[in-house]
Amino acid sequence: MLERFLVPEKDQILIDSDSMIEATRQIFLKMGLSNEDSKLSSEVLLTSDLRGCESHGVSNMLPIYIDRYNQKGDLGINPKPNFKITRESPTTANVDGDDGLGLHVLPKAMEIAIEKAEKYGTGSVAVHNSRHIGMLAYHSMMALEHDMIGLTMTAGNSLNVVPTHGAEARLATNPWAYAVPADKEPPFVFDIATTQVAGNKLMLAKRVGAKMDPGWITDSKGAPILEEVDLPDNREDYLMLPFGGTRENGSHKGYGYAVVAEIFCDILSGMGAGFLMPPSTYGEMGHFVQAVKIDGFIDASKFKKDMDLLLRGLVETKPVEGQDRVVYAGLPEHEETEIRLNKGIPYHYKVIDWFENIKAELGLDFDLKKM
């Protein structure tokens, strides 16, 4: 997480993670989810907060989910989806999420992928008619304890990203996440949007007053803004750029990865291209998960020892002048989790005010424990 997205110390309230997960569970229960799905959805959000991925934790996402649960008709999220497999082979499956929140739909899809990988070496599952899945890394990391490599992708709504040289949105941020086990070192966990900056981080930036870097967003006509600016107040006044920003800086690479996610998540699952979906499907998304069993290729213990050598070698790389160290994807998040478990999760005071208000509104009895 870039420093600019962190809650300023003066605005922080440190909250015990167990009390926050209980508060979140109670809110999901009130929305109509089962106890099991409420616990699972809360765990996904709090794992994000513990790892410092606040853009996909309770601060940003929970109010949006509540709003969608309270919407009627096609735009609302189904609190009790009929999760079912619509097509299957020994190593693949396609799942209907029945408009259920991906926080509890996708872990079930990854469990299917893991079961197939246990038997046949690999398992791949596409999901259609689902909703937002939170931090992708959570789902990919489910494979780690099985000595497997996990992959997660998602695509669909909302459309806010231009293709390279495009003047209108054709893609969502379409993120990818890989999780790879090691032996003694923290696992390699690579979770990125295919845009210059994750879409949910724009909300964090707005909250803490951070500016947009050059090449992060466009103007309303799709022209890249190549200077530091404030995020426009009107959502219609900007679009997002693929990673690389401009063609000269490699935006065709981010654009290409976004299209791959579109293919695997939306088209392969049967939903069709995201920008061709009718307005009534707003919020519906396709997902894709895969688990690969390491011992189908090499002894898992050797693989994990070699991963240790690779990851330690990266960390021990001499840093460039002005930088403290070299890290790899997943290491800072692992370290942050240890800190936040011991010292509490830093939330903006406005977020805590929101929890107190929703507690009174819904008649709940949770108690957020300050550290």
Foldseek 3Di string as FASTA:
>chain_A
DDPLLDAPPVQWFFFALVLQLVLQLVVLVLLPADSVLSNQLSVLQSLCLLLVVPLQHCLQPVVVLSVQSPDDDLSHADRDAPWDWPDDDLAETFIERRRHEQSRNLLVQLVQQLVSCVVPQKHKYKYWQYFHRGFQLVSQCVQQVVLKKKKKWKWADDFFEAQAVGFGTQTAQTKMWIWHAADPAFIFIDIDGQFQHHPSSLVSCVVSVHWDAFLFKAALRGHGRGHIGHDDPDSNGIGGAGHLSHVVSPSNVSSVSRVVSQCRFQVVSPNPRNVPHDPSNHRIMMMMMMIGRPVVPPPSNVVNHVVVVVQVVQFPPDDDPPDDTGHGHRRSSVVSSVVCNVQGRIDRVVSVVVSVVVCVVSVHDRDTDTD
